[in-house]
């Protein structure tokens, strides 16, 4: 299955952003996961995972 360079670049960039957000969440988690960081980053991580899967399957 051949993908264009733009799709491959988008997958790599989204994957890097996902890793950065996961590390940031791990560093800033306090006692209560949702209360300490809010729901925004959770939605952003979900969106990034969805886009990675979408681009990977669309190929």
N, C-alpha and C. Protein backbone atom coordinates (compact mmCIF):
# COMPACT_ATOMS: atom_id res chain seq x y z
N UNK A 1 0.85 -1.17 0.00
CA UNK A 1 0.00 0.00 0.00
C UNK A 1 0.90 1.24 0.00
N UNK A 2 0.80 2.04 -1.04
CA UNK A 2 1.66 3.21 -1.21
C UNK A 2 0.94 4.45 -0.69
N UNK A 3 1.65 5.23 0.13
CA UNK A 3 1.13 6.50 0.64
C UNK A 3 1.99 7.63 0.10
N UNK A 4 1.37 8.77 -0.06
CA UNK A 4 2.15 9.93 -0.51
C UNK A 4 3.02 10.42 0.64
N UNK A 5 4.01 11.22 0.31
CA UNK A 5 4.91 11.76 1.33
C UNK A 5 4.18 12.68 2.29
N UNK A 6 3.16 13.38 1.81
CA UNK A 6 2.42 14.29 2.67
C UNK A 6 1.66 13.53 3.74
N UNK A 7 1.06 12.40 3.38
CA UNK A 7 0.32 11.61 4.36
C UNK A 7 1.29 11.02 5.38
N UNK A 8 2.42 10.52 4.92
CA UNK A 8 3.42 9.99 5.85
C UNK A 8 3.93 11.07 6.80
N UNK A 9 4.16 12.25 6.27
CA UNK A 9 4.62 13.36 7.11
C UNK A 9 3.55 13.74 8.13
N UNK A 10 2.29 13.75 7.72
CA UNK A 10 1.21 14.09 8.64
C UNK A 10 1.10 13.05 9.75
N UNK A 11 1.25 11.78 9.42
CA UNK A 11 1.19 10.72 10.44
C UNK A 11 2.33 10.87 11.43
N UNK A 12 3.53 11.16 10.95
CA UNK A 12 4.68 11.31 11.83
C UNK A 12 4.51 12.53 12.74
N UNK A 13 4.05 13.64 12.19
CA UNK A 13 3.85 14.85 12.98
C UNK A 13 2.78 14.63 14.04
N UNK A 14 1.66 14.01 13.67
CA UNK A 14 0.60 13.75 14.65
C UNK A 14 1.07 12.79 15.73
N UNK A 15 1.85 11.80 15.36
CA UNK A 15 2.37 10.86 16.34
C UNK A 15 3.31 11.56 17.32
N UNK A 16 4.15 12.46 16.82
CA UNK A 16 5.05 13.23 17.70
C UNK A 16 4.26 14.13 18.64
N UNK A 17 3.23 14.78 18.13
CA UNK A 17 2.39 15.63 18.98
C UNK A 17 1.71 14.79 20.05
N UNK A 18 1.25 13.59 19.68
CA UNK A 18 0.62 12.70 20.64
C UNK A 18 1.59 12.32 21.75
N UNK A 19 2.82 11.99 21.40
CA UNK A 19 3.82 11.63 22.41
C UNK A 19 4.11 12.80 23.33
N UNK A 20 4.21 14.00 22.77
CA UNK A 20 4.47 15.20 23.58
C UNK A 20 3.33 15.43 24.57
N UNK A 21 2.09 15.29 24.12
CA UNK A 21 0.96 15.50 25.02
C UNK A 21 0.88 14.43 26.09
N UNK A 22 1.18 13.19 25.77
CA UNK A 22 1.16 12.13 26.77
C UNK A 22 2.22 12.38 27.84
N UNK A 23 3.41 12.79 27.43
CA UNK A 23 4.47 13.10 28.39
C UNK A 23 4.07 14.28 29.25
N UNK A 24 3.49 15.30 28.65
CA UNK A 24 3.05 16.47 29.41
C UNK A 24 1.98 16.11 30.44
N UNK A 25 1.07 15.24 30.05
CA UNK A 25 0.02 14.82 30.98
C UNK A 25 0.62 14.01 32.12
N UNK A 26 1.55 13.11 31.82
CA UNK A 26 2.17 12.31 32.87
C UNK A 26 2.91 13.20 33.86
N UNK A 27 3.57 14.24 33.37
CA UNK A 27 4.31 15.14 34.25
C UNK A 27 3.41 16.03 35.10
N UNK A 28 2.20 16.33 34.64
CA UNK A 28 1.34 17.27 35.34
C UNK A 28 0.15 16.62 36.03
N UNK A 29 0.07 15.31 36.04
CA UNK A 29 -1.05 14.65 36.71
C UNK A 29 -0.86 14.77 38.21
N UNK A 30 -1.93 15.15 38.87
CA UNK A 30 -1.91 15.23 40.33
C UNK A 30 -2.77 14.09 40.86
N UNK A 31 -3.47 14.31 41.93
CA UNK A 31 -4.28 13.25 42.52
C UNK A 31 -5.47 12.94 41.63
N UNK A 32 -6.15 13.95 41.17
CA UNK A 32 -7.32 13.75 40.33
C UNK A 32 -6.97 14.07 38.89
N UNK A 33 -7.02 13.08 38.02
CA UNK A 33 -6.59 13.20 36.63
C UNK A 33 -7.35 14.28 35.89
N UNK A 34 -8.67 14.25 35.92
CA UNK A 34 -9.48 15.18 35.13
C UNK A 34 -9.45 16.58 35.74
N UNK A 35 -9.48 16.68 37.06
CA UNK A 35 -9.56 17.98 37.70
C UNK A 35 -8.25 18.76 37.59
N UNK A 36 -7.13 18.07 37.53
CA UNK A 36 -5.86 18.79 37.55
C UNK A 36 -5.49 19.36 36.19
N UNK A 37 -5.98 18.76 35.09
CA UNK A 37 -5.55 19.24 33.79
C UNK A 37 -6.70 19.71 32.90
N UNK A 38 -7.93 19.41 33.25
CA UNK A 38 -9.06 19.78 32.41
C UNK A 38 -9.33 18.73 31.35
N UNK A 39 -10.38 18.94 30.60
CA UNK A 39 -10.78 17.98 29.58
C UNK A 39 -10.20 18.29 28.21
N UNK A 40 -9.68 19.48 27.99
CA UNK A 40 -9.15 19.87 26.69
C UNK A 40 -8.08 18.95 26.14
N UNK A 41 -7.03 18.68 26.92
CA UNK A 41 -5.99 17.78 26.42
C UNK A 41 -6.50 16.36 26.11
N UNK A 42 -7.49 15.90 26.87
CA UNK A 42 -8.05 14.57 26.58
C UNK A 42 -8.74 14.56 25.23
N UNK A 43 -9.51 15.60 24.93
CA UNK A 43 -10.15 15.69 23.62
C UNK A 43 -9.12 15.83 22.51
N UNK A 44 -8.05 16.59 22.77
CA UNK A 44 -7.00 16.77 21.77
C UNK A 44 -6.28 15.45 21.48
N UNK A 45 -6.01 14.68 22.51
CA UNK A 45 -5.36 13.38 22.31
C UNK A 45 -6.28 12.44 21.54
N UNK A 46 -7.57 12.46 21.87
CA UNK A 46 -8.52 11.64 21.13
C UNK A 46 -8.59 12.04 19.66
N UNK A 47 -8.56 13.33 19.40
CA UNK A 47 -8.60 13.82 18.02
C UNK A 47 -7.34 13.41 17.27
N UNK A 48 -6.19 13.51 17.91
CA UNK A 48 -4.94 13.12 17.26
C UNK A 48 -4.92 11.63 16.95
N UNK A 49 -5.38 10.81 17.89
CA UNK A 49 -5.43 9.37 17.65
C UNK A 49 -6.38 9.06 16.51
N UNK A 50 -7.53 9.73 16.49
CA UNK A 50 -8.49 9.53 15.40
C UNK A 50 -7.88 9.91 14.06
N UNK A 51 -7.17 11.04 13.99
CA UNK A 51 -6.56 11.47 12.73
C UNK A 51 -5.47 10.52 12.27
N UNK A 52 -4.67 10.00 13.22
CA UNK A 52 -3.64 9.03 12.84
C UNK A 52 -4.28 7.78 12.25
N UNK A 53 -5.30 7.26 12.90
CA UNK A 53 -5.98 6.06 12.39
C UNK A 53 -6.64 6.35 11.06
N UNK A 54 -7.28 7.50 10.94
CA UNK A 54 -7.96 7.87 9.68
C UNK A 54 -6.97 7.96 8.54
N UNK A 55 -5.86 8.64 8.75
CA UNK A 55 -4.86 8.78 7.69
C UNK A 55 -4.19 7.44 7.37
N UNK A 56 -3.99 6.63 8.40
CA UNK A 56 -3.35 5.34 8.17
C UNK A 56 -4.26 4.42 7.35
N UNK A 57 -5.54 4.40 7.66
CA UNK A 57 -6.47 3.54 6.93
C UNK A 57 -6.82 4.09 5.55
N UNK A 58 -6.84 5.42 5.44
CA UNK A 58 -7.16 6.04 4.15
C UNK A 58 -6.03 5.77 3.16
N UNK A 59 -4.81 5.83 3.66
CA UNK A 59 -3.61 5.51 2.93
C UNK A 59 -3.49 6.09 1.60
